[in-house]
Amino acid sequence: MGKHKELILIISLLIGTFLVPINSTMIAVALSTISAHFNEPLASISWVVTIYLIVMAVTQPIAGKLGDLYGNRNIYLWGVVFFLIASLGCIFSTNLISLITFRSLQAVGGALLTPNTIAIIRYVVPKERLPKVLGIFGMGMGLGAAIGPLLGSVLLENFNLEAIFWVNVPFLFLALISGIVMIPKFNVKKQTSTLDIQGSIYLAISISLLILLTHGMEFTKALIMGIIFILSTILFIKRENTAENPIIDFSLFKHSTFTSANLSIMLSNFVMYVILLIMPLLMKSQFHLSTA
């Protein structure tokens, strides 16, 4: 693949993937508007954010394995389709339950997109240019998260609530068409292994409970959930250490570069998302500032 086609392909991949962090933070400035729109308390509305994060965290490791099994190109395109359908569903949601449901489907699409985009880049970009391209990709994802609240406030002030979901539609159509045309079909050795369903269930339970434990709840309920979280985490680790095709290969963490890179990303995302999600709520509820 020539440099010109390679650049067009990377831009095409970024068009779709860039929307994933934007949609995780853009919703933060809209929570008060959603609360008024559906006449629901803010505590219930917070699930619009929480469900996105839970489903994204649970699905992303599994999405990478699905790409290995069924082809990164196929899973990437399915991710775009899921995200597009979910965005249209959010636009026409008539109640909070349907909005939360379609937000979870958005997260599935986003989770399918991200790891498979990186895998596609790894296949099409020569090794000598790969660090630079992955650096640009990482910067784009970070900028997407930072732009989210700004974009959301502009859309809410000038249009309506549905606009924050309509904005996805043209970009996703473009990402789908360009993906079908531009992403090559790789001649990667087909894997005969299957997805570790048991490990996936343990992982889903562990991550879901970890996030739910950050919500305020009575002590007894938190204690029970905490015990189940610890047990499911132990079972997941034991399963992955014995599974033939684990979702997460823990032996990778023996490499200091891999471990430190993951810890750096975790810390960076934790600080960034806490600020981006909390500040708009604080500004509106405590300082009574407009969305703009």
C-alpha atoms as a PDB file:
ATOM      1  CA  MET A   1       0.000   0.000   0.000  1.00  0.00           C
ATOM      2  CA  GLY A   2       1.421   3.399  -1.051  1.00  0.00           C
ATOM      3  CA  LYS A   3       1.813   6.311   1.360  1.00  0.00           C
ATOM      4  CA  HIS A   4      -1.122   8.183  -0.215  1.00  0.00           C
ATOM      5  CA  LYS A   5      -3.562   5.279   0.184  1.00  0.00           C
ATOM      6  CA  GLU A   6      -2.154   4.566   3.643  1.00  0.00           C
ATOM      7  CA  LEU A   7      -2.903   8.151   4.743  1.00  0.00           C
ATOM      8  CA  ILE A   8      -6.465   8.002   3.379  1.00  0.00           C
ATOM      9  CA  LEU A   9      -7.037   4.688   5.164  1.00  0.00           C
ATOM     10  CA  ILE A  10      -5.771   6.052   8.500  1.00  0.00           C
ATOM     11  CA  ILE A  11      -8.022   9.128   8.155  1.00  0.00           C
ATOM     12  CA  SER A  12     -10.948   6.800   7.372  1.00  0.00           C
ATOM     13  CA  LEU A  13     -10.242   4.720  10.485  1.00  0.00           C
ATOM     14  CA  LEU A  14      -9.921   7.829  12.653  1.00  0.00           C
ATOM     15  CA  ILE A  15     -13.279   9.202  11.421  1.00  0.00           C
ATOM     16  CA  GLY A  16     -15.050   6.238  13.001  1.00  0.00           C
ATOM     17  CA  THR A  17     -12.858   5.689  16.056  1.00  0.00           C
ATOM     18  CA  PHE A  18     -12.630   9.411  16.927  1.00  0.00           C
ATOM     19  CA  LEU A  19     -16.364   9.341  17.753  1.00  0.00           C
ATOM     20  CA  VAL A  20     -15.898   6.782  20.548  1.00  0.00           C
ATOM     21  CA  PRO A  21     -14.211   9.128  23.087  1.00  0.00           C
ATOM     22  CA  ILE A  22     -16.297  12.090  21.885  1.00  0.00           C
ATOM     23  CA  ASN A  23     -19.499  10.236  22.778  1.00  0.00           C
ATOM     24  CA  SER A  24     -18.141   9.180  26.156  1.00  0.00           C
ATOM     25  CA  THR A  25     -17.610  12.808  27.271  1.00  0.00           C
ATOM     26  CA  MET A  26     -20.019  14.831  25.086  1.00  0.00           C
ATOM     27  CA  ILE A  27     -22.942  13.434  27.076  1.00  0.00           C
ATOM     28  CA  ALA A  28     -21.593  15.007  30.314  1.00  0.00           C
ATOM     29  CA  VAL A  29     -22.839  18.497  29.398  1.00  0.00           C
ATOM     30  CA  ALA A  30     -26.231  17.090  28.406  1.00  0.00           C
ATOM     31  CA  LEU A  31     -27.169  15.276  31.640  1.00  0.00           C
ATOM     32  CA  SER A  32     -29.175  18.189  33.052  1.00  0.00           C
ATOM     33  CA  THR A  33     -30.929  18.621  29.690  1.00  0.00           C
ATOM     34  CA  ILE A  34     -31.720  14.888  29.520  1.00  0.00           C
ATOM     35  CA  SER A  35     -33.044  15.031  33.097  1.00  0.00           C
ATOM     36  CA  ALA A  36     -35.452  17.829  32.169  1.00  0.00           C
ATOM     37  CA  HIS A  37     -36.363  16.244  28.814  1.00  0.00           C
ATOM     38  CA  PHE A  38     -37.435  12.918  30.330  1.00  0.00           C
ATOM     39  CA  ASN A  39     -38.473  14.385  33.693  1.00  0.00           C
ATOM     40  CA  GLU A  40     -36.167  11.983  35.538  1.00  0.00           C
ATOM     41  CA  PRO A  41     -33.877  12.638  38.545  1.00  0.00           C
ATOM     42  CA  LEU A  42     -30.179  13.203  37.869  1.00  0.00           C
ATOM     43  CA  ALA A  43     -29.299   9.996  39.772  1.00  0.00           C
ATOM     44  CA  SER A  44     -31.213   7.972  37.165  1.00  0.00           C
ATOM     45  CA  ILE A  45     -29.832  10.014  34.270  1.00  0.00           C
ATOM     46  CA  SER A  46     -26.262   9.214  35.367  1.00  0.00           C
ATOM     47  CA  TRP A  47     -26.835   5.694  34.019  1.00  0.00           C
ATOM     48  CA  VAL A  48     -26.599   7.156  30.515  1.00  0.00           C
ATOM     49  CA  VAL A  49     -22.892   7.676  31.286  1.00  0.00           C
ATOM     50  CA  THR A  50     -22.367   4.650  33.542  1.00  0.00           C
ATOM     51  CA  ILE A  51     -23.813   2.062  31.140  1.00  0.00           C
ATOM     52  CA  TYR A  52     -21.560   3.343  28.338  1.00  0.00           C
ATOM     53  CA  LEU A  53     -18.455   2.921  30.507  1.00  0.00           C
ATOM     54  CA  ILE A  54     -19.472  -0.506  31.847  1.00  0.00           C
ATOM     55  CA  VAL A  55     -20.276  -1.996  28.440  1.00  0.00           C
ATOM     56  CA  MET A  56     -17.167  -0.437  26.873  1.00  0.00           C
ATOM     57  CA  ALA A  57     -14.889  -1.808  29.596  1.00  0.00           C
ATOM     58  CA  VAL A  58     -16.445  -5.285  29.461  1.00  0.00           C
ATOM     59  CA  THR A  59     -16.604  -5.583  25.673  1.00  0.00           C
ATOM     60  CA  GLN A  60     -13.262  -4.141  24.590  1.00  0.00           C
ATOM     61  CA  PRO A  61     -10.985  -7.060  25.615  1.00  0.00           C
ATOM     62  CA  ILE A  62     -13.487  -9.492  24.056  1.00  0.00           C
ATOM     63  CA  ALA A  63     -13.656  -7.361  20.883  1.00  0.00           C
ATOM     64  CA  GLY A  64      -9.906  -7.722  20.378  1.00  0.00           C
ATOM     65  CA  LYS A  65     -10.202 -11.509  20.583  1.00  0.00           C
ATOM     66  CA  LEU A  66     -13.171 -11.476  18.159  1.00  0.00           C
ATOM     67  CA  GLY A  67     -10.946  -9.594  15.710  1.00  0.00           C
ATOM     68  CA  ASP A  68      -8.335 -12.351  15.987  1.00  0.00           C
ATOM     69  CA  LEU A  69     -10.966 -15.020  15.337  1.00  0.00           C
ATOM     70  CA  TYR A  70     -13.151 -13.454  12.644  1.00  0.00           C
ATOM     71  CA  GLY A  71     -10.927 -10.789  11.090  1.00  0.00           C
ATOM     72  CA  ASN A  72     -10.205  -7.260  12.273  1.00  0.00           C
ATOM     73  CA  ARG A  73     -11.759  -5.748   9.141  1.00  0.00           C
ATOM     74  CA  ASN A  74     -15.070  -7.578   9.690  1.00  0.00           C
ATOM     75  CA  ILE A  75     -15.306  -6.694  13.382  1.00  0.00           C
ATOM     76  CA  TYR A  76     -14.362  -3.053  12.688  1.00  0.00           C
ATOM     77  CA  LEU A  77     -17.159  -2.724  10.102  1.00  0.00           C
ATOM     78  CA  TRP A  78     -19.644  -4.363  12.468  1.00  0.00           C
ATOM     79  CA  GLY A  79     -18.550  -1.845  15.105  1.00  0.00           C
ATOM     80  CA  VAL A  80     -19.388   1.045  12.756  1.00  0.00           C
ATOM     81  CA  VAL A  81     -22.790  -0.515  11.974  1.00  0.00           C
ATOM     82  CA  PHE A  82     -23.603  -1.011  15.685  1.00  0.00           C
ATOM     83  CA  PHE A  83     -22.568   2.561  16.473  1.00  0.00           C
ATOM     84  CA  LEU A  84     -24.653   3.937  13.607  1.00  0.00           C
ATOM     85  CA  ILE A  85     -27.799   1.978  14.528  1.00  0.00           C
ATOM     86  CA  ALA A  86     -27.375   2.893  18.207  1.00  0.00           C
ATOM     87  CA  SER A  87     -26.952   6.609  17.404  1.00  0.00           C
ATOM     88  CA  LEU A  88     -30.186   6.565  15.384  1.00  0.00           C
ATOM     89  CA  GLY A  89     -31.863   4.737  18.278  1.00  0.00           C
ATOM     90  CA  CYS A  90     -30.709   7.426  20.727  1.00  0.00           C
ATOM     91  CA  ILE A  91     -32.156  10.128  18.458  1.00  0.00           C
ATOM     92  CA  PHE A  92     -35.622   8.578  18.486  1.00  0.00           C
ATOM     93  CA  SER A  93     -35.646   7.392  22.129  1.00  0.00           C
ATOM     94  CA  THR A  94     -38.913   8.292  23.828  1.00  0.00           C
ATOM     95  CA  ASN A  95     -37.938   7.409  27.397  1.00  0.00           C
ATOM     96  CA  LEU A  96     -34.876   6.982  29.603  1.00  0.00           C
ATOM     97  CA  ILE A  97     -34.853   3.160  29.388  1.00  0.00           C
ATOM     98  CA  SER A  98     -34.635   3.184  25.597  1.00  0.00           C
ATOM     99  CA  LEU A  99     -31.911   5.858  25.684  1.00  0.00           C
ATOM    100  CA  ILE A 100     -29.852   3.790  28.155  1.00  0.00           C
ATOM    101  CA  THR A 101     -30.370   0.679  25.988  1.00  0.00           C
ATOM    102  CA  PHE A 102     -29.132   2.389  22.833  1.00  0.00           C
ATOM    103  CA  ARG A 103     -26.241   3.984  24.739  1.00  0.00           C
ATOM    104  CA  SER A 104     -25.137   0.484  25.727  1.00  0.00           C
ATOM    105  CA  LEU A 105     -25.327  -0.553  22.061  1.00  0.00           C
ATOM    106  CA  GLN A 106     -23.221   2.505  21.188  1.00  0.00           C
ATOM    107  CA  ALA A 107     -20.625   1.251  23.650  1.00  0.00           C
ATOM    108  CA  VAL A 108     -20.607  -2.181  21.999  1.00  0.00           C
ATOM    109  CA  GLY A 109     -19.926  -0.515  18.664  1.00  0.00           C
ATOM    110  CA  GLY A 110     -17.187   1.639  20.160  1.00  0.00           C
ATOM    111  CA  ALA A 111     -15.572  -1.353  21.854  1.00  0.00           C
ATOM    112  CA  LEU A 112     -15.527  -3.269  18.559  1.00  0.00           C
ATOM    113  CA  LEU A 113     -13.944  -0.298  16.782  1.00  0.00           C
ATOM    114  CA  THR A 114     -10.983   0.640  18.970  1.00  0.00           C
ATOM    115  CA  PRO A 115      -8.816  -2.522  19.290  1.00  0.00           C
ATOM    116  CA  ASN A 116      -9.517  -3.606  15.726  1.00  0.00           C
ATOM    117  CA  THR A 117      -8.567  -0.181  14.364  1.00  0.00           C
ATOM    118  CA  ILE A 118      -5.172  -0.518  16.051  1.00  0.00           C
ATOM    119  CA  ALA A 119      -4.784  -4.041  14.638  1.00  0.00           C
ATOM    120  CA  ILE A 120      -5.608  -2.834  11.108  1.00  0.00           C
ATOM    121  CA  ILE A 121      -3.054  -0.015  11.422  1.00  0.00           C
ATOM    122  CA  ARG A 122      -0.478  -2.579  12.552  1.00  0.00           C
ATOM    123  CA  TYR A 123      -1.074  -4.617   9.394  1.00  0.00           C
ATOM    124  CA  VAL A 124      -1.043  -1.789   6.830  1.00  0.00           C
ATOM    125  CA  VAL A 125       1.675   0.537   8.202  1.00  0.00           C
ATOM    126  CA  PRO A 126       5.365  -0.414   7.806  1.00  0.00           C
ATOM    127  CA  LYS A 127       7.221  -1.026  11.073  1.00  0.00           C
ATOM    128  CA  GLU A 128       9.437   2.047  10.694  1.00  0.00           C
ATOM    129  CA  ARG A 129       6.390   4.380  10.581  1.00  0.00           C
ATOM    130  CA  LEU A 130       4.208   2.458  13.024  1.00  0.00           C
ATOM    131  CA  PRO A 131       5.228   4.297  16.258  1.00  0.00           C
ATOM    132  CA  LYS A 132       4.501   7.684  14.671  1.00  0.00           C
ATOM    133  CA  VAL A 133       1.121   6.589  13.275  1.00  0.00           C
ATOM    134  CA  LEU A 134       0.051   4.979  16.576  1.00  0.00           C
ATOM    135  CA  GLY A 135       1.136   8.164  18.361  1.00  0.00           C
ATOM    136  CA  ILE A 136      -1.087  10.240  16.067  1.00  0.00           C
ATOM    137  CA  PHE A 137      -3.929   7.772  16.660  1.00  0.00           C
ATOM    138  CA  GLY A 138      -3.525   8.058  20.446  1.00  0.00           C
ATOM    139  CA  MET A 139      -3.437  11.837  20.219  1.00  0.00           C
ATOM    140  CA  GLY A 140      -6.636  11.775  18.149  1.00  0.00           C
ATOM    141  CA  MET A 141      -8.420   9.669  20.755  1.00  0.00           C
ATOM    142  CA  GLY A 142      -7.306  12.017  23.537  1.00  0.00           C
ATOM    143  CA  LEU A 143      -8.432  15.059  21.572  1.00  0.00           C
ATOM    144  CA  GLY A 144     -11.780  13.367  20.943  1.00  0.00           C
ATOM    145  CA  ALA A 145     -12.372  13.056  24.689  1.00  0.00           C
ATOM    146  CA  ALA A 146     -11.348  16.681  25.242  1.00  0.00           C
ATOM    147  CA  ILE A 147     -13.486  18.028  22.382  1.00  0.00           C
ATOM    148  CA  GLY A 148     -16.598  16.111  23.536  1.00  0.00           C
ATOM    149  CA  PRO A 149     -17.918  18.599  26.151  1.00  0.00           C
ATOM    150  CA  LEU A 150     -17.185  21.593  23.923  1.00  0.00           C
ATOM    151  CA  LEU A 151     -18.970  20.026  20.948  1.00  0.00           C
ATOM    152  CA  GLY A 152     -21.877  18.932  23.133  1.00  0.00           C
ATOM    153  CA  SER A 153     -22.399  22.406  24.580  1.00  0.00           C
ATOM    154  CA  VAL A 154     -22.332  24.056  21.122  1.00  0.00           C
ATOM    155  CA  LEU A 155     -24.903  21.576  19.777  1.00  0.00           C
ATOM    156  CA  LEU A 156     -27.198  21.910  22.812  1.00  0.00           C
ATOM    157  CA  GLU A 157     -27.110  25.718  22.779  1.00  0.00           C
ATOM    158  CA  ASN A 158     -27.798  26.010  19.051  1.00  0.00           C
ATOM    159  CA  PHE A 159     -30.010  22.996  18.332  1.00  0.00           C
ATOM    160  CA  ASN A 160     -31.605  20.401  20.630  1.00  0.00           C
ATOM    161  CA  LEU A 161     -30.833  17.258  22.617  1.00  0.00           C
ATOM    162  CA  GLU A 162     -31.058  14.974  19.566  1.00  0.00           C
ATOM    163  CA  ALA A 163     -28.294  16.974  17.852  1.00  0.00           C
ATOM    164  CA  ILE A 164     -25.601  15.360  20.028  1.00  0.00           C
ATOM    165  CA  PHE A 165     -26.523  12.026  18.453  1.00  0.00           C
ATOM    166  CA  TRP A 166     -27.314  13.301  14.937  1.00  0.00           C
ATOM    167  CA  VAL A 167     -23.734  14.579  14.668  1.00  0.00           C
ATOM    168  CA  ASN A 168     -22.507  10.957  14.614  1.00  0.00           C
ATOM    169  CA  VAL A 169     -24.613   9.842  11.655  1.00  0.00           C
ATOM    170  CA  PRO A 170     -22.847  11.453   8.645  1.00  0.00           C
ATOM    171  CA  PHE A 171     -19.392  10.577  10.001  1.00  0.00           C
ATOM    172  CA  LEU A 172     -20.397   6.958  10.605  1.00  0.00           C
ATOM    173  CA  PHE A 173     -21.862   6.629   7.104  1.00  0.00           C
ATOM    174  CA  LEU A 174     -18.580   8.001   5.743  1.00  0.00           C
ATOM    175  CA  ALA A 175     -16.546   5.653   7.977  1.00  0.00           C
ATOM    176  CA  LEU A 176     -18.623   2.646   6.850  1.00  0.00           C
ATOM    177  CA  ILE A 177     -18.368   3.371   3.118  1.00  0.00           C
ATOM    178  CA  SER A 178     -14.666   4.293   3.239  1.00  0.00           C
ATOM    179  CA  GLY A 179     -13.968   1.264   5.443  1.00  0.00           C
ATOM    180  CA  ILE A 180     -15.602  -1.128   2.977  1.00  0.00           C
ATOM    181  CA  VAL A 181     -13.677   0.425   0.074  1.00  0.00           C
ATOM    182  CA  MET A 182     -10.315   1.184   1.710  1.00  0.00           C
ATOM    183  CA  ILE A 183      -9.603  -1.520   4.301  1.00  0.00           C
ATOM    184  CA  PRO A 184      -7.839  -4.432   2.579  1.00  0.00           C
ATOM    185  CA  LYS A 185      -8.784  -8.040   3.268  1.00  0.00           C
ATOM    186  CA  PHE A 186      -5.771  -9.403   5.103  1.00  0.00           C
ATOM    187  CA  ASN A 187      -4.392 -12.827   4.394  1.00  0.00           C
ATOM    188  CA  VAL A 188      -3.993 -13.583   8.074  1.00  0.00           C
ATOM    189  CA  LYS A 189      -3.796 -17.218   9.181  1.00  0.00           C
ATOM    190  CA  LYS A 190      -7.301 -18.180  10.278  1.00  0.00           C
ATOM    191  CA  GLN A 191      -7.517 -19.225  13.902  1.00  0.00           C
ATOM    192  CA  THR A 192      -9.453 -22.365  14.779  1.00  0.00           C
ATOM    193  CA  SER A 193      -9.787 -21.442  18.452  1.00  0.00           C
ATOM    194  CA  THR A 194     -13.020 -20.189  19.980  1.00  0.00           C
ATOM    195  CA  LEU A 195     -13.858 -17.306  22.279  1.00  0.00           C
ATOM    196  CA  ASP A 196     -13.366 -18.007  25.984  1.00  0.00           C
ATOM    197  CA  ILE A 197     -17.020 -17.655  27.014  1.00  0.00           C
ATOM    198  CA  GLN A 198     -16.424 -18.612  30.657  1.00  0.00           C
ATOM    199  CA  GLY A 199     -13.630 -16.063  31.014  1.00  0.00           C
ATOM    200  CA  SER A 200     -15.787 -13.443  29.279  1.00  0.00           C
ATOM    201  CA  ILE A 201     -18.576 -13.938  31.834  1.00  0.00           C
ATOM    202  CA  TYR A 202     -16.182 -13.635  34.793  1.00  0.00           C
ATOM    203  CA  LEU A 203     -14.659 -10.502  33.246  1.00  0.00           C
ATOM    204  CA  ALA A 204     -18.082  -8.936  32.627  1.00  0.00           C
ATOM    205  CA  ILE A 205     -19.180  -9.578  36.231  1.00  0.00           C
ATOM    206  CA  SER A 206     -15.904  -8.248  37.687  1.00  0.00           C
ATOM    207  CA  ILE A 207     -15.784  -5.003  35.719  1.00  0.00           C
ATOM    208  CA  SER A 208     -19.513  -4.319  36.103  1.00  0.00           C
ATOM    209  CA  LEU A 209     -19.366  -4.739  39.882  1.00  0.00           C
ATOM    210  CA  LEU A 210     -16.182  -2.659  40.162  1.00  0.00           C
ATOM    211  CA  ILE A 211     -17.892   0.282  38.441  1.00  0.00           C
ATOM    212  CA  LEU A 212     -21.170  -0.190  40.350  1.00  0.00           C
ATOM    213  CA  LEU A 213     -19.269  -0.145  43.653  1.00  0.00           C
ATOM    214  CA  THR A 214     -18.279   3.467  42.926  1.00  0.00           C
ATOM    215  CA  HIS A 215     -21.967   4.452  43.216  1.00  0.00           C
ATOM    216  CA  GLY A 216     -23.348   5.325  46.627  1.00  0.00           C
ATOM    217  CA  MET A 217     -25.242   2.424  48.255  1.00  0.00           C
ATOM    218  CA  GLU A 218     -25.987   0.954  51.660  1.00  0.00           C
ATOM    219  CA  PHE A 219     -23.196  -0.962  53.439  1.00  0.00           C
ATOM    220  CA  THR A 220     -24.760  -4.454  53.238  1.00  0.00           C
ATOM    221  CA  LYS A 221     -25.373  -4.200  49.506  1.00  0.00           C
ATOM    222  CA  ALA A 222     -21.866  -2.873  48.908  1.00  0.00           C
ATOM    223  CA  LEU A 223     -20.377  -5.685  51.023  1.00  0.00           C
ATOM    224  CA  ILE A 224     -22.209  -8.404  49.070  1.00  0.00           C
ATOM    225  CA  MET A 225     -21.228  -6.856  45.746  1.00  0.00           C
ATOM    226  CA  GLY A 226     -17.637  -6.489  46.952  1.00  0.00           C
ATOM    227  CA  ILE A 227     -17.421 -10.186  47.889  1.00  0.00           C
ATOM    228  CA  ILE A 228     -18.870 -11.240  44.518  1.00  0.00           C
ATOM    229  CA  PHE A 229     -16.410  -8.892  42.769  1.00  0.00           C
ATOM    230  CA  ILE A 230     -13.423 -10.461  44.574  1.00  0.00           C
ATOM    231  CA  LEU A 231     -14.626 -14.015  43.828  1.00  0.00           C
ATOM    232  CA  SER A 232     -15.332 -13.314  40.156  1.00  0.00           C
ATOM    233  CA  THR A 233     -11.938 -11.606  39.773  1.00  0.00           C
ATOM    234  CA  ILE A 234     -10.148 -14.606  41.317  1.00  0.00           C
ATOM    235  CA  LEU A 235     -12.101 -16.987  39.079  1.00  0.00           C
ATOM    236  CA  PHE A 236     -11.262 -14.864  36.024  1.00  0.00           C
ATOM    237  CA  ILE A 237      -7.523 -14.867  36.805  1.00  0.00           C
ATOM    238  CA  LYS A 238      -7.531 -18.640  37.417  1.00  0.00           C
ATOM    239  CA  ARG A 239      -9.472 -19.224  34.204  1.00  0.00           C
ATOM    240  CA  GLU A 240      -7.165 -17.063  32.079  1.00  0.00           C
ATOM    241  CA  ASN A 241      -4.065 -18.784  33.464  1.00  0.00           C
ATOM    242  CA  THR A 242      -5.402 -22.197  32.363  1.00  0.00           C
ATOM    243  CA  ALA A 243      -7.423 -21.323  29.238  1.00  0.00           C
ATOM    244  CA  GLU A 244      -5.984 -22.374  25.877  1.00  0.00           C
ATOM    245  CA  ASN A 245      -6.937 -19.048  24.302  1.00  0.00           C
ATOM    246  CA  PRO A 246      -7.281 -16.481  27.121  1.00  0.00           C
ATOM    247  CA  ILE A 247      -8.954 -13.121  26.584  1.00  0.00           C
ATOM    248  CA  ILE A 248      -6.080 -11.468  28.466  1.00  0.00           C
ATOM    249  CA  ASP A 249      -2.652 -13.091  28.356  1.00  0.00           C
ATOM    250  CA  PHE A 250      -1.259 -12.270  31.801  1.00  0.00           C
ATOM    251  CA  SER A 251       2.245 -13.356  30.765  1.00  0.00           C
ATOM    252  CA  LEU A 252       2.494 -10.085  28.830  1.00  0.00           C
ATOM    253  CA  PHE A 253       2.624  -8.232  32.146  1.00  0.00           C
ATOM    254  CA  LYS A 254       6.021  -9.832  32.811  1.00  0.00           C
ATOM    255  CA  HIS A 255       7.402  -7.303  30.312  1.00  0.00           C
ATOM    256  CA  SER A 256       8.077  -4.028  32.121  1.00  0.00           C
ATOM    257  CA  THR A 257       7.466  -1.918  28.988  1.00  0.00           C
ATOM    258  CA  PHE A 258       4.011  -3.435  28.473  1.00  0.00           C
ATOM    259  CA  THR A 259       3.075  -3.087  32.153  1.00  0.00           C
ATOM    260  CA  SER A 260       4.307   0.505  32.513  1.00  0.00           C
ATOM    261  CA  ALA A 261       2.537   1.528  29.276  1.00  0.00           C
ATOM    262  CA  ASN A 262      -0.767   0.115  30.554  1.00  0.00           C
ATOM    263  CA  LEU A 263      -0.364   1.785  33.957  1.00  0.00           C
ATOM    264  CA  SER A 264       0.413   5.099  32.227  1.00  0.00           C
ATOM    265  CA  ILE A 265      -2.714   4.842  30.044  1.00  0.00           C
ATOM    266  CA  MET A 266      -4.846   3.870  33.060  1.00  0.00           C
ATOM    267  CA  LEU A 267      -3.657   6.853  35.120  1.00  0.00           C
ATOM    268  CA  SER A 268      -3.990   9.266  32.195  1.00  0.00           C
ATOM    269  CA  ASN A 269      -7.531   8.159  31.357  1.00  0.00           C
ATOM    270  CA  PHE A 270      -8.613   8.120  35.002  1.00  0.00           C
ATOM    271  CA  VAL A 271      -7.554  11.726  35.591  1.00  0.00           C
ATOM    272  CA  MET A 272      -8.837  12.958  32.227  1.00  0.00           C
ATOM    273  CA  TYR A 273     -12.271  11.329  32.370  1.00  0.00           C
ATOM    274  CA  VAL A 274     -12.909  12.255  36.004  1.00  0.00           C
ATOM    275  CA  ILE A 275     -12.336  15.924  35.162  1.00  0.00           C
ATOM    276  CA  LEU A 276     -14.240  15.855  31.864  1.00  0.00           C
ATOM    277  CA  LEU A 277     -17.284  14.077  33.325  1.00  0.00           C
ATOM    278  CA  ILE A 278     -17.507  15.824  36.701  1.00  0.00           C
ATOM    279  CA  MET A 279     -16.753  19.460  35.784  1.00  0.00           C
ATOM    280  CA  PRO A 280     -19.821  20.093  33.552  1.00  0.00           C
ATOM    281  CA  LEU A 281     -22.158  18.718  36.254  1.00  0.00           C
ATOM    282  CA  LEU A 282     -20.444  20.781  38.940  1.00  0.00           C
ATOM    283  CA  MET A 283     -20.609  23.949  36.864  1.00  0.00           C
ATOM    284  CA  LYS A 284     -24.318  23.567  36.165  1.00  0.00           C
ATOM    285  CA  SER A 285     -25.556  22.302  39.551  1.00  0.00           C
ATOM    286  CA  GLN A 286     -23.322  24.284  41.919  1.00  0.00           C
ATOM    287  CA  PHE A 287     -22.369  27.421  39.975  1.00  0.00           C
ATOM    288  CA  HIS A 288     -25.563  27.581  37.858  1.00  0.00           C
ATOM    289  CA  LEU A 289     -23.668  28.303  34.657  1.00  0.00           C
ATOM    290  CA  SER A 290     -25.278  27.819  31.241  1.00  0.00           C
ATOM    291  CA  THR A 291     -24.312  24.864  29.070  1.00  0.00           C
ATOM    292  CA  ALA A 292     -22.300  27.192  26.827  1.00  0.00           C
END
